[in-house]
Amino acid sequence: MTFLRVDSSIRDEDSVSRELTDAVERAWLAADPDAEVVHRDLAAAPVRLETWQLATYGGFLPPDLRTRAMRDASAAACRAADEVLAADAITVGAPLYNFGVPAALKSWIDLLITDPRFDPRHTPLGRSLAGVPLSLVIARGGGYGPGSPREGWDHSTPYLERIFGDVFGAEVTLIVAELTAADVDPAMAALRPLAARSRADALARAGAVAAEHARAHGAPSTRRRRVALARAASSASGG
């Protein structure tokens, strides 16, 4: 099996989202020691804005009118799509930045959607990653749960659930840690016990979710056939 891990935190050390994607990866490898792990670190190697722009522009032109730069950008989108479609399971780490999605993660998603296999104009909604388990790891510096002063201010999680679940069709499971800024913000010192509990709960959930997904999706043959069909459809559409 192939396990795709996507990280978008700008922090290499002391990153809660990376700590949680680490836990998901460990649990997968414990369940399937022979699994291939592919790590896409979007903070270390971000998608350039102009790559998305050129791939988008080129997608509206006949192939013979696309510039070399447009063709290169479309090839980059194709490679990104190939990597995602080859995965039997996916985890995505998404810290909440400025109440929204990390820029690096949004750029990667936008590039994916320029590929016909992820573009809802060419592939029906919910089909691109149908049946693929995707653990969505959310790390939030403050508290955004029901009844909190900032309930509803997290504009990232609903968007990512919509994209990965409704548009791409993955089986999305949330893993959430809150109050992650309490350890470094003196104004949140009183919340540190709650933050520690949220982090511990999220770590436990990360391991349990990954283990359950590994058991439920252990046979990759159906998944491989679906990927082959997706690639065939892309070729037929000129993608």
C-alpha atoms as a PDB file:
ATOM      1  CA  MET A   1       0.000   0.000   0.000  1.00  0.00           C
ATOM      2  CA  THR A   2       1.008   3.586  -0.519  1.00  0.00           C
ATOM      3  CA  PHE A   3       0.453   6.143   2.232  1.00  0.00           C
ATOM      4  CA  LEU A   4       0.599   9.829   1.265  1.00  0.00           C
ATOM      5  CA  ARG A   5       1.420  12.303   4.002  1.00  0.00           C
ATOM      6  CA  VAL A   6       0.936  15.999   3.265  1.00  0.00           C
ATOM      7  CA  ASP A   7       2.238  18.630   5.688  1.00  0.00           C
ATOM      8  CA  SER A   8       1.727  22.388   5.435  1.00  0.00           C
ATOM      9  CA  SER A   9       2.972  23.767   8.759  1.00  0.00           C
ATOM     10  CA  ILE A  10       5.671  26.420   8.437  1.00  0.00           C
ATOM     11  CA  ARG A  11       7.235  25.037  11.628  1.00  0.00           C
ATOM     12  CA  ASP A  12       9.720  22.166  11.420  1.00  0.00           C
ATOM     13  CA  GLU A  13       9.992  21.814  15.183  1.00  0.00           C
ATOM     14  CA  ASP A  14       7.280  21.972  17.855  1.00  0.00           C
ATOM     15  CA  SER A  15       4.581  21.740  15.204  1.00  0.00           C
ATOM     16  CA  VAL A  16       1.443  20.117  16.599  1.00  0.00           C
ATOM     17  CA  SER A  17       0.049  19.290  13.165  1.00  0.00           C
ATOM     18  CA  ARG A  18       3.303  17.528  12.237  1.00  0.00           C
ATOM     19  CA  GLU A  19       3.289  15.705  15.578  1.00  0.00           C
ATOM     20  CA  LEU A  20      -0.178  14.405  14.712  1.00  0.00           C
ATOM     21  CA  THR A  21       0.670  13.425  11.130  1.00  0.00           C
ATOM     22  CA  ASP A  22       3.695  11.631  12.624  1.00  0.00           C
ATOM     23  CA  ALA A  23       1.284   9.672  14.824  1.00  0.00           C
ATOM     24  CA  VAL A  24      -0.923   8.786  11.869  1.00  0.00           C
ATOM     25  CA  GLU A  25       2.097   7.622   9.865  1.00  0.00           C
ATOM     26  CA  ARG A  26       3.424   5.500  12.747  1.00  0.00           C
ATOM     27  CA  ALA A  27       0.073   3.783  13.177  1.00  0.00           C
ATOM     28  CA  TRP A  28      -0.131   2.996   9.463  1.00  0.00           C
ATOM     29  CA  LEU A  29       3.351   1.519   9.453  1.00  0.00           C
ATOM     30  CA  ALA A  30       2.554  -0.503  12.573  1.00  0.00           C
ATOM     31  CA  ALA A  31      -0.444  -1.988  10.769  1.00  0.00           C
ATOM     32  CA  ASP A  32       1.387  -2.395   7.440  1.00  0.00           C
ATOM     33  CA  PRO A  33       5.200  -2.383   7.859  1.00  0.00           C
ATOM     34  CA  ASP A  34       5.660  -2.819   4.118  1.00  0.00           C
ATOM     35  CA  ALA A  35       3.655   0.283   3.208  1.00  0.00           C
ATOM     36  CA  GLU A  36       5.371   2.878   1.037  1.00  0.00           C
ATOM     37  CA  VAL A  37       5.265   6.332   2.625  1.00  0.00           C
ATOM     38  CA  VAL A  38       5.321   9.359   0.327  1.00  0.00           C
ATOM     39  CA  HIS A  39       5.864  12.645   2.165  1.00  0.00           C
ATOM     40  CA  ARG A  40       4.794  15.863   0.478  1.00  0.00           C
ATOM     41  CA  ASP A  41       6.043  18.798   2.556  1.00  0.00           C
ATOM     42  CA  LEU A  42       4.333  21.847   1.092  1.00  0.00           C
ATOM     43  CA  ALA A  43       6.142  24.273   3.369  1.00  0.00           C
ATOM     44  CA  ALA A  44       9.567  23.007   2.278  1.00  0.00           C
ATOM     45  CA  ALA A  45       8.618  22.805  -1.404  1.00  0.00           C
ATOM     46  CA  PRO A  46       5.608  25.060  -2.011  1.00  0.00           C
ATOM     47  CA  VAL A  47       3.691  25.299  -5.259  1.00  0.00           C
ATOM     48  CA  ARG A  48       4.582  28.583  -6.926  1.00  0.00           C
ATOM     49  CA  LEU A  49       1.671  30.893  -7.654  1.00  0.00           C
ATOM     50  CA  GLU A  50       2.715  31.286 -11.263  1.00  0.00           C
ATOM     51  CA  THR A  51       2.612  27.495 -11.734  1.00  0.00           C
ATOM     52  CA  TRP A  52      -1.080  27.462 -10.835  1.00  0.00           C
ATOM     53  CA  GLN A  53      -1.725  30.549 -12.967  1.00  0.00           C
ATOM     54  CA  LEU A  54      -0.076  29.074 -16.042  1.00  0.00           C
ATOM     55  CA  ALA A  55      -1.746  25.685 -15.619  1.00  0.00           C
ATOM     56  CA  THR A  56      -5.107  27.430 -15.285  1.00  0.00           C
ATOM     57  CA  TYR A  57      -4.617  29.659 -18.323  1.00  0.00           C
ATOM     58  CA  GLY A  58      -3.346  26.760 -20.390  1.00  0.00           C
ATOM     59  CA  GLY A  59      -6.352  24.659 -19.509  1.00  0.00           C
ATOM     60  CA  PHE A  60      -8.599  27.044 -21.438  1.00  0.00           C
ATOM     61  CA  LEU A  61      -6.494  26.914 -24.590  1.00  0.00           C
ATOM     62  CA  PRO A  62      -6.132  24.243 -27.281  1.00  0.00           C
ATOM     63  CA  PRO A  63      -2.906  22.263 -26.752  1.00  0.00           C
ATOM     64  CA  ASP A  64      -1.261  23.759 -29.834  1.00  0.00           C
ATOM     65  CA  LEU A  65      -1.724  27.301 -28.488  1.00  0.00           C
ATOM     66  CA  ARG A  66      -0.205  26.662 -25.054  1.00  0.00           C
ATOM     67  CA  THR A  67       3.204  28.150 -24.334  1.00  0.00           C
ATOM     68  CA  ARG A  68       6.109  26.051 -23.121  1.00  0.00           C
ATOM     69  CA  ALA A  69       5.599  27.498 -19.633  1.00  0.00           C
ATOM     70  CA  MET A  70       1.940  26.497 -19.694  1.00  0.00           C
ATOM     71  CA  ARG A  71       2.816  22.955 -20.737  1.00  0.00           C
ATOM     72  CA  ASP A  72       5.395  22.724 -17.962  1.00  0.00           C
ATOM     73  CA  ALA A  73       2.845  23.950 -15.419  1.00  0.00           C
ATOM     74  CA  SER A  74       0.276  21.424 -16.616  1.00  0.00           C
ATOM     75  CA  ALA A  75       2.901  18.698 -16.316  1.00  0.00           C
ATOM     76  CA  ALA A  76       3.529  19.761 -12.703  1.00  0.00           C
ATOM     77  CA  ALA A  77      -0.208  19.518 -12.016  1.00  0.00           C
ATOM     78  CA  CYS A  78      -0.279  16.081 -13.621  1.00  0.00           C
ATOM     79  CA  ARG A  79       2.569  14.866 -11.400  1.00  0.00           C
ATOM     80  CA  ALA A  80       0.810  16.183  -8.298  1.00  0.00           C
ATOM     81  CA  ALA A  81      -2.415  14.466  -9.335  1.00  0.00           C
ATOM     82  CA  ASP A  82      -0.578  11.206 -10.092  1.00  0.00           C
ATOM     83  CA  GLU A  83       0.938  11.254  -6.609  1.00  0.00           C
ATOM     84  CA  VAL A  84      -2.430  11.704  -4.925  1.00  0.00           C
ATOM     85  CA  LEU A  85      -4.212   9.131  -7.079  1.00  0.00           C
ATOM     86  CA  ALA A  86      -1.502   6.551  -6.395  1.00  0.00           C
ATOM     87  CA  ALA A  87      -2.169   6.727  -2.650  1.00  0.00           C
ATOM     88  CA  ASP A  88      -4.224   4.077  -0.877  1.00  0.00           C
ATOM     89  CA  ALA A  89      -4.579   6.370   2.142  1.00  0.00           C
ATOM     90  CA  ILE A  90      -3.846  10.043   2.794  1.00  0.00           C
ATOM     91  CA  THR A  91      -3.269  12.278   5.779  1.00  0.00           C
ATOM     92  CA  VAL A  92      -3.235  16.057   5.472  1.00  0.00           C
ATOM     93  CA  GLY A  93      -1.860  18.322   8.198  1.00  0.00           C
ATOM     94  CA  ALA A  94      -3.504  21.729   8.226  1.00  0.00           C
ATOM     95  CA  PRO A  95      -2.734  24.249  10.967  1.00  0.00           C
ATOM     96  CA  LEU A  96      -5.161  27.146  11.174  1.00  0.00           C
ATOM     97  CA  TYR A  97      -3.460  30.337   9.983  1.00  0.00           C
ATOM     98  CA  ASN A  98      -5.243  33.677  10.247  1.00  0.00           C
ATOM     99  CA  PHE A  99      -8.560  31.818  10.559  1.00  0.00           C
ATOM    100  CA  GLY A 100      -7.975  30.095   7.201  1.00  0.00           C
ATOM    101  CA  VAL A 101      -6.124  27.508   5.151  1.00  0.00           C
ATOM    102  CA  PRO A 102      -2.299  27.658   4.994  1.00  0.00           C
ATOM    103  CA  ALA A 103      -1.301  29.340   1.737  1.00  0.00           C
ATOM    104  CA  ALA A 104       0.921  26.414   0.739  1.00  0.00           C
ATOM    105  CA  LEU A 105      -1.935  23.932   1.135  1.00  0.00           C
ATOM    106  CA  LYS A 106      -4.389  26.122  -0.784  1.00  0.00           C
ATOM    107  CA  SER A 107      -1.925  26.502  -3.661  1.00  0.00           C
ATOM    108  CA  TRP A 108      -1.451  22.725  -3.841  1.00  0.00           C
ATOM    109  CA  ILE A 109      -5.210  22.134  -3.909  1.00  0.00           C
ATOM    110  CA  ASP A 110      -5.655  24.788  -6.597  1.00  0.00           C
ATOM    111  CA  LEU A 111      -2.970  23.141  -8.728  1.00  0.00           C
ATOM    112  CA  LEU A 112      -4.615  19.722  -8.313  1.00  0.00           C
ATOM    113  CA  ILE A 113      -7.903  21.091  -9.584  1.00  0.00           C
ATOM    114  CA  THR A 114      -6.268  22.198 -12.845  1.00  0.00           C
ATOM    115  CA  ASP A 115      -5.816  18.497 -13.649  1.00  0.00           C
ATOM    116  CA  PRO A 116      -8.941  17.051 -15.352  1.00  0.00           C
ATOM    117  CA  ARG A 117      -9.023  14.141 -12.880  1.00  0.00           C
ATOM    118  CA  PHE A 118      -9.684  16.588 -10.028  1.00  0.00           C
ATOM    119  CA  ASP A 119     -11.519  19.284 -11.962  1.00  0.00           C
ATOM    120  CA  PRO A 120     -15.300  18.968 -11.370  1.00  0.00           C
ATOM    121  CA  ARG A 121     -15.880  20.235 -14.905  1.00  0.00           C
ATOM    122  CA  HIS A 122     -14.326  17.023 -16.210  1.00  0.00           C
ATOM    123  CA  THR A 123     -14.707  14.511 -13.368  1.00  0.00           C
ATOM    124  CA  PRO A 124     -18.040  14.215 -11.522  1.00  0.00           C
ATOM    125  CA  LEU A 125     -18.113  15.483  -7.953  1.00  0.00           C
ATOM    126  CA  GLY A 126     -17.081  12.877  -5.425  1.00  0.00           C
ATOM    127  CA  ARG A 127     -15.348  10.547  -7.849  1.00  0.00           C
ATOM    128  CA  SER A 128     -11.662  11.568  -7.863  1.00  0.00           C
ATOM    129  CA  LEU A 129     -10.813   9.956  -4.502  1.00  0.00           C
ATOM    130  CA  ALA A 130     -13.955   7.895  -3.955  1.00  0.00           C
ATOM    131  CA  GLY A 131     -13.402   5.357  -1.181  1.00  0.00           C
ATOM    132  CA  VAL A 132      -9.963   6.659  -0.181  1.00  0.00           C
ATOM    133  CA  PRO A 133      -9.533   7.236   3.581  1.00  0.00           C
ATOM    134  CA  LEU A 134      -8.192  10.698   4.341  1.00  0.00           C
ATOM    135  CA  SER A 135      -7.389  11.804   7.866  1.00  0.00           C
ATOM    136  CA  LEU A 136      -7.568  15.580   8.072  1.00  0.00           C
ATOM    137  CA  VAL A 137      -5.384  16.873  10.902  1.00  0.00           C
ATOM    138  CA  ILE A 138      -6.348  20.311  12.195  1.00  0.00           C
ATOM    139  CA  ALA A 139      -4.250  22.267  14.716  1.00  0.00           C
ATOM    140  CA  ARG A 140      -5.782  25.472  16.068  1.00  0.00           C
ATOM    141  CA  GLY A 141      -3.950  27.902  18.315  1.00  0.00           C
ATOM    142  CA  GLY A 142      -7.110  29.050  20.072  1.00  0.00           C
ATOM    143  CA  GLY A 143     -10.498  27.614  20.919  1.00  0.00           C
ATOM    144  CA  TYR A 144     -13.097  27.509  18.160  1.00  0.00           C
ATOM    145  CA  GLY A 145     -15.525  24.867  19.417  1.00  0.00           C
ATOM    146  CA  PRO A 146     -19.258  25.235  20.059  1.00  0.00           C
ATOM    147  CA  GLY A 147     -19.966  27.904  22.651  1.00  0.00           C
ATOM    148  CA  SER A 148     -16.507  29.482  22.454  1.00  0.00           C
ATOM    149  CA  PRO A 149     -16.151  33.223  21.732  1.00  0.00           C
ATOM    150  CA  ARG A 150     -14.676  32.387  18.321  1.00  0.00           C
ATOM    151  CA  GLU A 151     -17.084  29.673  17.309  1.00  0.00           C
ATOM    152  CA  GLY A 152     -17.430  29.868  13.525  1.00  0.00           C
ATOM    153  CA  TRP A 153     -14.143  31.725  13.016  1.00  0.00           C
ATOM    154  CA  ASP A 154     -12.380  28.613  11.701  1.00  0.00           C
ATOM    155  CA  HIS A 155     -12.862  29.079   7.957  1.00  0.00           C
ATOM    156  CA  SER A 156     -10.345  26.365   7.082  1.00  0.00           C
ATOM    157  CA  THR A 157     -11.910  23.140   8.332  1.00  0.00           C
ATOM    158  CA  PRO A 158     -15.278  23.496   6.544  1.00  0.00           C
ATOM    159  CA  TYR A 159     -13.506  24.365   3.291  1.00  0.00           C
ATOM    160  CA  LEU A 160     -11.117  21.415   3.498  1.00  0.00           C
ATOM    161  CA  GLU A 161     -13.946  19.028   4.356  1.00  0.00           C
ATOM    162  CA  ARG A 162     -15.862  20.323   1.354  1.00  0.00           C
ATOM    163  CA  ILE A 163     -12.911  19.975  -1.023  1.00  0.00           C
ATOM    164  CA  PHE A 164     -11.566  16.600   0.101  1.00  0.00           C
ATOM    165  CA  GLY A 165     -14.934  15.065   0.941  1.00  0.00           C
ATOM    166  CA  ASP A 166     -17.561  16.528  -1.364  1.00  0.00           C
ATOM    167  CA  VAL A 167     -15.488  17.577  -4.377  1.00  0.00           C
ATOM    168  CA  PHE A 168     -12.868  14.809  -4.385  1.00  0.00           C
ATOM    169  CA  GLY A 169     -14.966  12.133  -2.643  1.00  0.00           C
ATOM    170  CA  ALA A 170     -12.453  10.963  -0.028  1.00  0.00           C
ATOM    171  CA  GLU A 171     -13.658   9.428   3.235  1.00  0.00           C
ATOM    172  CA  VAL A 172     -12.627  12.288   5.526  1.00  0.00           C
ATOM    173  CA  THR A 173     -12.018  11.838   9.245  1.00  0.00           C
ATOM    174  CA  LEU A 174     -11.179  14.848  11.397  1.00  0.00           C
ATOM    175  CA  ILE A 175      -8.404  14.860  13.997  1.00  0.00           C
ATOM    176  CA  VAL A 176      -8.396  18.168  15.877  1.00  0.00           C
ATOM    177  CA  ALA A 177      -6.115  19.699  18.500  1.00  0.00           C
ATOM    178  CA  GLU A 178      -7.083  23.072  19.956  1.00  0.00           C
ATOM    179  CA  LEU A 179      -5.443  25.721  22.132  1.00  0.00           C
ATOM    180  CA  THR A 180      -2.014  24.826  20.754  1.00  0.00           C
ATOM    181  CA  ALA A 181      -0.739  28.378  21.376  1.00  0.00           C
ATOM    182  CA  ALA A 182      -1.270  28.068  25.146  1.00  0.00           C
ATOM    183  CA  ASP A 183       2.257  26.806  25.757  1.00  0.00           C
ATOM    184  CA  VAL A 184       3.846  29.891  24.205  1.00  0.00           C
ATOM    185  CA  ASP A 185       1.305  32.628  24.929  1.00  0.00           C
ATOM    186  CA  PRO A 186       1.400  33.875  28.538  1.00  0.00           C
ATOM    187  CA  ALA A 187      -2.130  35.246  28.144  1.00  0.00           C
ATOM    188  CA  MET A 188      -3.350  31.664  27.636  1.00  0.00           C
ATOM    189  CA  ALA A 189      -1.469  30.145  30.582  1.00  0.00           C
ATOM    190  CA  ALA A 190      -4.681  29.234  32.402  1.00  0.00           C
ATOM    191  CA  LEU A 191      -5.746  27.151  29.416  1.00  0.00           C
ATOM    192  CA  ARG A 192      -2.661  24.933  29.376  1.00  0.00           C
ATOM    193  CA  PRO A 193      -4.341  21.966  31.115  1.00  0.00           C
ATOM    194  CA  LEU A 194      -7.143  22.060  28.531  1.00  0.00           C
ATOM    195  CA  ALA A 195      -4.577  22.378  25.742  1.00  0.00           C
ATOM    196  CA  ALA A 196      -2.658  19.355  27.024  1.00  0.00           C
ATOM    197  CA  ARG A 197      -5.857  17.325  27.181  1.00  0.00           C
ATOM    198  CA  SER A 198      -6.859  18.342  23.651  1.00  0.00           C
ATOM    199  CA  ARG A 199      -3.399  17.416  22.337  1.00  0.00           C
ATOM    200  CA  ALA A 200      -3.415  14.039  24.107  1.00  0.00           C
ATOM    201  CA  ASP A 201      -6.912  13.270  22.830  1.00  0.00           C
ATOM    202  CA  ALA A 202      -5.880  14.195  19.294  1.00  0.00           C
ATOM    203  CA  LEU A 203      -2.783  11.983  19.455  1.00  0.00           C
ATOM    204  CA  ALA A 204      -4.849   9.051  20.679  1.00  0.00           C
ATOM    205  CA  ARG A 205      -7.423   9.646  17.971  1.00  0.00           C
ATOM    206  CA  ALA A 206      -4.710   9.899  15.298  1.00  0.00           C
ATOM    207  CA  GLY A 207      -3.402   6.457  16.167  1.00  0.00           C
ATOM    208  CA  ALA A 208      -6.849   4.904  16.450  1.00  0.00           C
ATOM    209  CA  VAL A 209      -8.109   6.401  13.173  1.00  0.00           C
ATOM    210  CA  ALA A 210      -5.031   5.307  11.223  1.00  0.00           C
ATOM    211  CA  ALA A 211      -5.184   1.781  12.632  1.00  0.00           C
ATOM    212  CA  GLU A 212      -8.883   1.504  11.786  1.00  0.00           C
ATOM    213  CA  HIS A 213      -8.346   2.813   8.264  1.00  0.00           C
ATOM    214  CA  ALA A 214      -5.479   0.383   7.740  1.00  0.00           C
ATOM    215  CA  ARG A 215      -7.680  -2.545   8.758  1.00  0.00           C
ATOM    216  CA  ALA A 216     -10.654  -1.406   6.703  1.00  0.00           C
ATOM    217  CA  HIS A 217      -8.692  -0.532   3.564  1.00  0.00           C
ATOM    218  CA  GLY A 218      -5.979  -3.145   3.640  1.00  0.00           C
ATOM    219  CA  ALA A 219      -6.631  -4.616   0.190  1.00  0.00           C
ATOM    220  CA  PRO A 220      -5.450  -2.193  -2.521  1.00  0.00           C
ATOM    221  CA  SER A 221      -6.610  -4.113  -5.622  1.00  0.00           C
ATOM    222  CA  THR A 222      -9.910  -2.259  -6.044  1.00  0.00           C
ATOM    223  CA  ARG A 223      -8.143   1.044  -5.427  1.00  0.00           C
ATOM    224  CA  ARG A 224      -5.524   0.269  -8.077  1.00  0.00           C
ATOM    225  CA  ARG A 225      -8.233  -0.510 -10.627  1.00  0.00           C
ATOM    226  CA  ARG A 226      -9.936   2.812  -9.831  1.00  0.00           C
ATOM    227  CA  VAL A 227      -6.658   4.689 -10.345  1.00  0.00           C
ATOM    228  CA  ALA A 228      -6.118   2.943 -13.676  1.00  0.00           C
ATOM    229  CA  LEU A 229      -9.613   3.982 -14.773  1.00  0.00           C
ATOM    230  CA  ALA A 230      -8.988   7.563 -13.656  1.00  0.00           C
ATOM    231  CA  ARG A 231      -5.779   7.723 -15.661  1.00  0.00           C
ATOM    232  CA  ALA A 232      -7.505   6.287 -18.686  1.00  0.00           C
ATOM    233  CA  ALA A 233     -10.203   8.934 -18.392  1.00  0.00           C
ATOM    234  CA  SER A 234      -7.541  11.638 -18.157  1.00  0.00           C
ATOM    235  CA  SER A 235      -5.849  10.402 -21.307  1.00  0.00           C
ATOM    236  CA  ALA A 236      -9.160  10.333 -23.143  1.00  0.00           C
ATOM    237  CA  SER A 237      -9.888  13.924 -22.135  1.00  0.00           C
ATOM    238  CA  GLY A 238      -6.506  15.133 -23.309  1.00  0.00           C
ATOM    239  CA  GLY A 239      -5.245  15.731 -19.756  1.00  0.00           C
END
